[in-house]
């Protein structure tokens, strides 16, 4: 479990470095909101990782084994890419920064593919749930507190280059975890042909009733939440909050609220049906997004900021818990790695491609209008749940 925790930290660290923390760096360098919004496109590899996931199932790079060899390669390349980002000045070398941020995103997505597969294969079924929780805890700790809060706080006392160098060193925990981990024993044969590794996982998935409908739902369910999150850091700074205040409240309070929301959401799903949970949690997510619109009207006020962030992250944690459980019910154990990569790729589209115009939207609409729009855009995803209930054969997860 310590190894899994370290892997979770390595997995969660890069997201803020190419997201909120990079936005704060660009904002402090005087880069306009439209450009900051467009930088969300560097997260595109997360939406496309299903394309190369079959290669990581099919090939072994060297003697460490199929999973551990891919872990080591992606982690080392990820560390060098983070160091590359730290060596760039966004205002002077914007395109070079975009290139290194894209590399970080690509190697991060690749690492996630193999970490998910390793965890599934290394843990017995009775430990899989707990192991996944440990991974998510490490992921959120790194994303919210290390590359999020700590990086923002450090940036007020040292250069951004030094901050990213420290983050690259923290990413080294993944390398240590790889050497401590054991290579999983194969319970089923690895894909031996191009067809087995590339085509069969997708043929199996799209043979399910309502397969396309499910993918559309995955695209839409958290789009409003993702659009609001994309511009939250520039929004807080625009209201006059310092980077230390944003780091301490939005990241620390946010992480605690997110983790608590996940636990509460998981507990509620023991009592209510999965699709009912998706509906309830989705409505609460939309309401919490409108809290940002209220904050735009209130302006600089620390108690209001704390309350809005706590509620927004709490409901996001609930929604994520239901979302993960939902994807688990529609993934075939025979093709877990590639099918899960496919589903999480679609889940990543809203926070990459669909949020790229958010900077321009915020400039045109104003903050109140923008966050109100983010609230309303959540409605189509909620409507999709009713279509899935009647047109798919989604089974409720079994609880022990």
Protein backbone atom coordinates (compact mmCIF):
# COMPACT_ATOMS: atom_id res chain seq x y z
CA UNK A 1 0.00 0.00 0.00
CA UNK A 2 2.97 2.34 0.56
CA UNK A 3 4.08 1.62 -3.00
CA UNK A 4 0.57 2.39 -4.26
CA UNK A 5 0.50 5.64 -2.26
CA UNK A 6 3.79 6.71 -3.86
CA UNK A 7 2.45 5.81 -7.28
CA UNK A 8 -0.65 7.89 -6.57
CA UNK A 9 1.52 10.90 -5.72
CA UNK A 10 3.51 10.46 -8.94
CA UNK A 11 0.25 10.19 -10.89
CA UNK A 12 -1.46 13.24 -9.38
CA UNK A 13 1.53 15.61 -9.38
CA UNK A 14 1.63 16.60 -13.11
CA UNK A 15 -2.02 17.67 -13.44
CA UNK A 16 -1.66 20.96 -11.51
CA UNK A 17 1.74 21.64 -13.09
CA UNK A 18 0.05 21.88 -16.50
CA UNK A 19 -3.21 23.26 -15.05
CA UNK A 20 -3.89 25.58 -12.12
CA UNK A 21 -0.26 26.16 -11.09
CA UNK A 22 0.76 26.92 -14.67
CA UNK A 23 -2.26 29.27 -14.95
CA UNK A 24 -1.05 31.16 -11.87
CA UNK A 25 2.45 31.41 -13.36
CA UNK A 26 1.07 32.73 -16.66
CA UNK A 27 -1.28 35.15 -14.88
CA UNK A 28 1.59 36.53 -12.79
CA UNK A 29 3.58 37.01 -16.03
CA UNK A 30 0.77 39.15 -17.46
CA UNK A 31 -0.52 36.66 -20.05
CA UNK A 32 -4.15 37.29 -21.09
CA UNK A 33 -7.07 35.07 -20.07
CA UNK A 34 -7.78 33.89 -23.62
CA UNK A 35 -4.28 32.42 -23.94
CA UNK A 36 -4.48 30.89 -20.46
CA UNK A 37 -7.77 29.20 -21.42
CA UNK A 38 -6.31 27.86 -24.67
CA UNK A 39 -3.48 26.22 -22.73
CA UNK A 40 -5.99 23.62 -21.51
CA UNK A 41 -5.37 21.94 -24.87
CA UNK A 42 -1.99 20.66 -23.62
CA UNK A 43 -4.03 18.09 -21.66
CA UNK A 44 -5.11 16.45 -24.93
CA UNK A 45 -3.02 13.27 -24.36
CA UNK A 46 -5.33 12.38 -21.45
CA UNK A 47 -8.20 12.31 -23.92
CA UNK A 48 -6.28 10.22 -26.47
CA UNK A 49 -4.35 7.74 -24.31
CA UNK A 50 -6.56 4.85 -25.43
CA UNK A 51 -4.75 5.09 -28.79
CA UNK A 52 -1.41 3.86 -27.42
CA UNK A 53 -2.67 1.89 -24.40
CA UNK A 54 -2.75 -1.35 -26.49
CA UNK A 55 1.00 -0.98 -27.16
CA UNK A 56 1.68 -0.94 -23.42
CA UNK A 57 -0.40 -4.10 -23.06
CA UNK A 58 1.32 -5.80 -25.97
CA UNK A 59 5.08 -5.08 -25.54
CA UNK A 60 7.69 -5.49 -22.80
CA UNK A 61 10.58 -3.00 -23.00
CA UNK A 62 13.22 -4.80 -20.91
CA UNK A 63 13.82 -7.36 -18.16
CA UNK A 64 12.03 -5.51 -15.36
CA UNK A 65 8.80 -6.86 -16.80
CA UNK A 66 5.99 -5.51 -18.93
CA UNK A 67 4.41 -3.17 -16.35
CA UNK A 68 7.50 -2.04 -14.43
CA UNK A 69 9.57 -1.33 -17.55
CA UNK A 70 6.89 0.98 -18.94
CA UNK A 71 6.56 2.61 -15.50
CA UNK A 72 10.26 3.43 -15.31
CA UNK A 73 10.51 4.84 -18.84
CA UNK A 74 7.45 7.07 -18.55
CA UNK A 75 8.46 8.32 -15.09
CA UNK A 76 12.00 9.29 -16.10
CA UNK A 77 10.76 11.10 -19.21
CA UNK A 78 8.11 12.82 -17.09
CA UNK A 79 10.74 14.15 -14.66
CA UNK A 80 12.85 15.59 -17.50
CA UNK A 81 9.78 17.19 -19.06
CA UNK A 82 8.88 18.93 -15.77
CA UNK A 83 12.46 20.21 -15.54
CA UNK A 84 12.07 21.48 -19.12
CA UNK A 85 8.95 23.45 -18.15
CA UNK A 86 10.83 25.04 -15.27
CA UNK A 87 13.56 26.29 -17.59
CA UNK A 88 11.11 28.34 -19.72
CA UNK A 89 9.72 31.87 -19.26
CA UNK A 90 6.09 31.77 -20.50
CA UNK A 91 5.90 35.41 -21.63
CA UNK A 92 9.09 35.17 -23.70
CA UNK A 93 8.86 31.55 -24.91
CA UNK A 94 5.14 30.75 -24.98
CA UNK A 95 5.29 28.08 -27.71
CA UNK A 96 8.26 26.34 -26.08
CA UNK A 97 6.37 26.28 -22.80
CA UNK A 98 3.37 24.78 -24.60
CA UNK A 99 5.62 22.07 -26.06
CA UNK A 100 7.09 21.05 -22.69
CA UNK A 101 3.67 21.19 -21.04
CA UNK A 102 2.39 18.87 -23.78
CA UNK A 103 5.28 16.47 -23.07
CA UNK A 104 4.45 16.47 -19.36
CA UNK A 105 0.83 15.71 -20.19
CA UNK A 106 1.76 12.91 -22.61
CA UNK A 107 4.14 11.10 -20.25
CA UNK A 108 1.73 11.62 -17.35
CA UNK A 109 -1.12 10.01 -19.32
CA UNK A 110 1.18 7.16 -20.34
CA UNK A 111 2.21 6.60 -16.74
CA UNK A 112 -1.45 6.50 -15.69
CA UNK A 113 -2.20 3.75 -18.22
CA UNK A 114 0.42 1.42 -16.81
CA UNK A 115 -0.19 2.32 -13.14
CA UNK A 116 -3.89 1.49 -13.50
CA UNK A 117 -3.03 -1.81 -15.18
CA UNK A 118 -0.39 -2.70 -12.55
CA UNK A 119 -2.77 -1.99 -9.67
CA UNK A 120 -5.48 -4.16 -11.22
CA UNK A 121 -3.08 -7.07 -11.78
CA UNK A 122 -0.96 -6.81 -8.60
CA UNK A 123 -3.78 -6.70 -6.05
CA UNK A 124 -6.11 -9.59 -5.19
CA UNK A 125 -9.79 -8.82 -5.63
CA UNK A 126 -10.41 -8.35 -1.91
CA UNK A 127 -7.72 -5.61 -1.75
CA UNK A 128 -8.56 -3.84 -5.00
CA UNK A 129 -11.10 -1.43 -3.50
CA UNK A 130 -8.83 -0.37 -0.66
CA UNK A 131 -5.84 -0.15 -2.97
CA UNK A 132 -7.75 2.11 -5.36
CA UNK A 133 -8.71 4.35 -2.43
CA UNK A 134 -5.06 4.62 -1.38
CA UNK A 135 -4.07 5.51 -4.95
CA UNK A 136 -6.75 8.22 -5.16
CA UNK A 137 -5.68 9.61 -1.78
CA UNK A 138 -2.09 9.92 -2.98
CA UNK A 139 -3.28 11.37 -6.28
CA UNK A 140 -5.40 14.07 -4.61
CA UNK A 141 -2.69 14.82 -2.03
CA UNK A 142 -0.18 15.50 -4.80
CA UNK A 143 -2.60 17.36 -7.08
CA UNK A 144 -4.19 19.56 -4.42
CA UNK A 145 -1.45 20.04 -1.82
CA UNK A 146 1.97 19.47 -3.40
CA UNK A 147 1.83 20.72 -7.01
CA UNK A 148 -1.19 22.86 -6.13
CA UNK A 149 -1.01 24.56 -2.72
CA UNK A 150 2.69 24.09 -1.93
CA UNK A 151 3.80 25.17 -5.41
CA UNK A 152 1.72 28.37 -5.23
CA UNK A 153 3.00 29.23 -1.77
CA UNK A 154 6.63 28.55 -2.73
CA UNK A 155 6.25 30.73 -5.85
CA UNK A 156 5.92 33.81 -3.62
CA UNK A 157 9.30 33.08 -2.02
CA UNK A 158 11.38 31.68 -4.91
CA UNK A 159 11.46 31.58 -8.71
CA UNK A 160 9.00 29.48 -10.70
CA UNK A 161 12.01 27.61 -12.11
CA UNK A 162 13.01 26.53 -8.59
CA UNK A 163 9.41 25.51 -7.83
CA UNK A 164 9.24 23.22 -10.88
CA UNK A 165 12.66 21.73 -10.04
CA UNK A 166 11.31 20.79 -6.59
CA UNK A 167 8.21 19.26 -8.21
CA UNK A 168 10.42 17.19 -10.53
CA UNK A 169 12.26 15.84 -7.48
CA UNK A 170 8.94 14.87 -5.85
CA UNK A 171 8.00 13.03 -9.06
CA UNK A 172 11.01 10.82 -8.33
CA UNK A 173 8.83 9.02 -5.76
CA UNK A 174 7.30 7.19 -8.71
CA UNK A 175 10.71 5.84 -9.74
CA UNK A 176 11.35 4.63 -6.17
CA UNK A 177 7.93 2.95 -6.13
CA UNK A 178 8.71 1.18 -9.41
CA UNK A 179 11.87 -0.39 -7.95
CA UNK A 180 10.01 -1.38 -4.77
CA UNK A 181 7.09 -2.90 -6.68
CA UNK A 182 6.92 -6.48 -7.92
CA UNK A 183 5.94 -7.42 -11.45
CA UNK A 184 2.41 -8.88 -11.37
CA UNK A 185 2.00 -12.54 -12.24
CA UNK A 186 0.04 -13.02 -15.45
CA UNK A 187 -3.32 -14.67 -14.81
CA UNK A 188 -4.20 -14.41 -18.49
CA UNK A 189 -1.89 -14.32 -21.48
CA UNK A 190 -0.83 -10.91 -22.71
CA UNK A 191 -2.13 -10.02 -26.16
CA UNK A 192 -0.09 -11.87 -28.74
CA UNK A 193 -1.34 -10.36 -31.98
CA UNK A 194 -2.15 -6.92 -33.29
CA UNK A 195 -5.84 -7.82 -33.42
CA UNK A 196 -5.94 -9.07 -29.82
CA UNK A 197 -4.25 -5.95 -28.43
CA UNK A 198 -5.83 -3.26 -30.61
CA UNK A 199 -9.21 -4.40 -31.96
CA UNK A 200 -10.68 -6.92 -29.52
CA UNK A 201 -11.00 -4.53 -26.50
CA UNK A 202 -12.95 -2.02 -28.61
CA UNK A 203 -15.07 -4.68 -30.32
CA UNK A 204 -16.00 -6.03 -26.88
CA UNK A 205 -16.94 -2.58 -25.57
CA UNK A 206 -18.99 -1.39 -28.55
CA UNK A 207 -20.94 -4.67 -28.54
CA UNK A 208 -22.59 -3.48 -25.29
CA UNK A 209 -26.12 -2.01 -25.58
CA UNK A 210 -25.97 1.79 -25.50
CA UNK A 211 -22.15 1.93 -25.79
CA UNK A 212 -22.20 5.23 -27.72
CA UNK A 213 -24.79 6.70 -25.34
CA UNK A 214 -22.52 5.92 -22.39
CA UNK A 215 -19.56 7.69 -24.03
CA UNK A 216 -21.68 10.79 -24.70
CA UNK A 217 -22.74 10.79 -21.05
CA UNK A 218 -19.10 10.55 -19.92
CA UNK A 219 -18.32 13.56 -22.10
CA UNK A 220 -21.13 15.69 -20.67
CA UNK A 221 -21.46 14.71 -17.01
CA UNK A 222 -18.69 16.91 -15.58
CA UNK A 223 -18.31 19.47 -18.39
CA UNK A 224 -19.72 22.38 -16.34
CA UNK A 225 -17.56 21.47 -13.36
CA UNK A 226 -14.47 21.21 -15.59
CA UNK A 227 -15.12 24.54 -17.33
CA UNK A 228 -15.50 26.32 -13.99
CA UNK A 229 -12.35 24.68 -12.57
CA UNK A 230 -10.30 25.68 -15.61
CA UNK A 231 -10.67 29.41 -14.84
CA UNK A 232 -10.98 29.25 -11.04
CA UNK A 233 -7.37 30.23 -10.25
CA UNK A 234 -7.33 33.33 -12.52
CA UNK A 235 -10.78 34.18 -11.09
CA UNK A 236 -9.56 34.08 -7.48
CA UNK A 237 -6.50 36.17 -8.35
CA UNK A 238 -8.68 38.64 -10.24
CA UNK A 239 -10.80 39.16 -7.11
CA UNK A 240 -7.66 40.21 -5.24
CA UNK A 241 -6.80 37.04 -3.32
CA UNK A 242 -3.05 36.43 -2.95
CA UNK A 243 -1.40 33.26 -4.24
CA UNK A 244 -0.80 32.17 -0.63
CA UNK A 245 -4.50 32.62 0.20
CA UNK A 246 -5.49 30.74 -2.94
CA UNK A 247 -3.01 27.97 -2.13
CA UNK A 248 -4.05 27.64 1.50
CA UNK A 249 -7.82 27.74 0.93
CA UNK A 250 -8.50 26.45 -2.56
CA UNK A 251 -6.01 23.60 -2.33
CA UNK A 252 -5.89 22.55 1.33
CA UNK A 253 -9.56 23.10 2.17
CA UNK A 254 -10.43 21.87 -1.32
CA UNK A 255 -8.50 18.61 -0.90
CA UNK A 256 -10.04 17.83 2.49
CA UNK A 257 -13.53 18.59 1.13
CA UNK A 258 -12.91 16.52 -2.01
CA UNK A 259 -11.71 13.49 -0.02
CA UNK A 260 -14.62 13.82 2.41
CA UNK A 261 -17.09 14.12 -0.46
CA UNK A 262 -15.71 10.95 -2.00
CA UNK A 263 -16.16 9.00 1.23
CA UNK A 264 -19.67 10.33 1.79
CA UNK A 265 -20.58 9.61 -1.84
CA UNK A 266 -19.28 6.04 -1.50
CA UNK A 267 -21.29 5.52 1.68
CA UNK A 268 -24.48 6.86 0.08
CA UNK A 269 -24.04 4.53 -2.89
CA UNK A 270 -24.42 1.59 -0.50
CA UNK A 271 -28.01 2.74 0.03
CA UNK A 272 -29.14 4.21 -3.30
CA UNK A 273 -28.92 3.01 -6.89
CA UNK A 274 -25.94 4.04 -8.98
CA UNK A 275 -27.90 6.05 -11.56
CA UNK A 276 -29.81 7.77 -8.74
CA UNK A 277 -26.49 8.70 -7.14
CA UNK A 278 -25.21 10.11 -10.45
CA UNK A 279 -28.35 12.24 -10.72
CA UNK A 280 -28.29 13.53 -7.12
CA UNK A 281 -24.55 14.23 -7.09
CA UNK A 282 -24.73 15.88 -10.53
CA UNK A 283 -27.42 18.30 -9.33
CA UNK A 284 -25.32 19.16 -6.26
CA UNK A 285 -22.28 19.75 -8.52
CA UNK A 286 -24.27 22.23 -10.61
CA UNK A 287 -25.49 24.08 -7.50
CA UNK A 288 -21.94 24.32 -6.15
CA UNK A 289 -20.71 25.74 -9.48
CA UNK A 290 -23.24 28.56 -9.12
CA UNK A 291 -21.55 29.34 -5.80
CA UNK A 292 -18.65 30.73 -7.85
CA UNK A 293 -21.08 33.12 -9.55
CA UNK A 294 -22.21 34.27 -6.11
CA UNK A 295 -18.56 34.80 -5.10
CA UNK A 296 -18.13 36.97 -8.22
CA UNK A 297 -20.86 39.24 -6.87
CA UNK A 298 -19.53 39.26 -3.29
CA UNK A 299 -15.92 39.96 -4.29
CA UNK A 300 -12.93 39.65 -1.96
CA UNK A 301 -14.16 37.87 1.17
CA UNK A 302 -12.21 35.01 2.75
CA UNK A 303 -15.14 33.30 4.58
CA UNK A 304 -17.23 33.27 1.38
CA UNK A 305 -14.27 31.94 -0.62
CA UNK A 306 -13.73 29.16 1.94
CA UNK A 307 -17.40 28.14 1.95
CA UNK A 308 -17.75 28.16 -1.83
CA UNK A 309 -14.56 26.15 -2.34
CA UNK A 310 -15.44 23.65 0.40
CA UNK A 311 -18.91 22.97 -1.02
CA UNK A 312 -17.71 22.86 -4.64
CA UNK A 313 -15.02 20.30 -3.85
CA UNK A 314 -17.27 18.26 -1.55
CA UNK A 315 -19.86 17.80 -4.31
CA UNK A 316 -17.13 17.16 -6.88
CA UNK A 317 -15.82 14.35 -4.66
CA UNK A 318 -19.29 12.82 -4.48
CA UNK A 319 -19.69 13.04 -8.26
CA UNK A 320 -16.26 11.50 -8.84
CA UNK A 321 -17.05 8.58 -6.52
CA UNK A 322 -20.21 7.80 -8.49
CA UNK A 323 -18.42 8.33 -11.81
CA UNK A 324 -15.63 5.84 -10.96
CA UNK A 325 -18.17 3.26 -9.75
CA UNK A 326 -20.14 3.76 -12.96
CA UNK A 327 -17.11 3.11 -15.17
CA UNK A 328 -16.22 0.02 -13.15
CA UNK A 329 -19.60 -1.53 -13.99
CA UNK A 330 -19.11 -1.19 -17.75
CA UNK A 331 -15.49 -2.37 -18.01
CA UNK A 332 -14.74 -5.94 -19.02
CA UNK A 333 -12.13 -7.60 -16.79
CA UNK A 334 -10.62 -9.23 -19.85
CA UNK A 335 -9.69 -5.85 -21.35
CA UNK A 336 -9.43 -3.68 -18.23
CA UNK A 337 -6.38 -1.59 -19.20
CA UNK A 338 -7.44 -0.59 -22.71
CA UNK A 339 -11.16 -0.19 -21.99
CA UNK A 340 -10.50 1.85 -18.86
CA UNK A 341 -8.09 4.00 -20.87
CA UNK A 342 -10.88 4.52 -23.43
CA UNK A 343 -13.40 5.61 -20.79
CA UNK A 344 -10.99 7.87 -18.90
CA UNK A 345 -9.91 9.38 -22.23
CA UNK A 346 -13.49 10.47 -22.88
CA UNK A 347 -13.71 11.70 -19.29
CA UNK A 348 -10.65 13.91 -19.97
CA UNK A 349 -12.12 15.59 -23.07
CA UNK A 350 -14.18 18.15 -21.08
CA UNK A 351 -11.12 19.32 -19.14
CA UNK A 352 -8.98 19.60 -22.29
CA UNK A 353 -10.69 20.40 -25.59
CA UNK A 354 -14.09 21.61 -24.34
CA UNK A 355 -12.59 24.11 -21.90
CA UNK A 356 -10.17 25.81 -24.29
CA UNK A 357 -12.52 28.76 -25.03
CA UNK A 358 -13.22 29.40 -21.32
CA UNK A 359 -10.76 32.30 -21.10
CA UNK A 360 -12.42 34.16 -23.95
CA UNK A 361 -15.86 33.32 -22.56
CA UNK A 362 -14.92 34.80 -19.18
CA UNK A 363 -13.66 37.97 -20.83
CA UNK A 364 -16.85 38.40 -22.87
CA UNK A 365 -19.44 37.28 -20.28
CA UNK A 366 -17.78 38.52 -17.11
CA UNK A 367 -17.21 36.22 -14.16
CA UNK A 368 -20.85 36.11 -13.01
CA UNK A 369 -22.17 35.31 -16.49
CA UNK A 370 -19.44 32.74 -17.12
CA UNK A 371 -20.08 30.72 -13.95
CA UNK A 372 -23.83 30.92 -14.49
CA UNK A 373 -23.27 29.40 -17.94
CA UNK A 374 -21.11 26.66 -16.37
CA UNK A 375 -24.03 25.85 -14.07
CA UNK A 376 -26.55 25.59 -16.92
CA UNK A 377 -24.28 23.52 -19.20
CA UNK A 378 -24.43 20.70 -16.62
CA UNK A 379 -28.11 20.09 -17.44
CA UNK A 380 -27.60 18.01 -20.66
CA UNK A 381 -25.41 15.53 -18.76
CA UNK A 382 -28.13 15.06 -16.15
CA UNK A 383 -30.73 14.48 -18.87
CA UNK A 384 -28.50 11.77 -20.39
CA UNK A 385 -28.88 9.70 -17.21
CA UNK A 386 -32.57 9.15 -17.95
CA UNK A 387 -31.78 8.01 -21.49
CA UNK A 388 -29.20 5.52 -20.16
CA UNK A 389 -31.64 4.13 -17.61
CA UNK A 390 -34.03 3.03 -20.38
CA UNK A 391 -31.63 2.16 -23.21
CA UNK A 392 -28.73 0.34 -21.56
CA UNK A 393 -28.41 -2.72 -19.32
CA UNK A 394 -26.11 -1.14 -16.73
CA UNK A 395 -25.99 -3.33 -13.65
CA UNK A 396 -25.64 -1.97 -10.15
CA UNK A 397 -22.27 -2.76 -8.52
CA UNK A 398 -22.30 -5.45 -5.85
CA UNK A 399 -21.26 -4.46 -2.33
CA UNK A 400 -19.68 -6.76 0.20
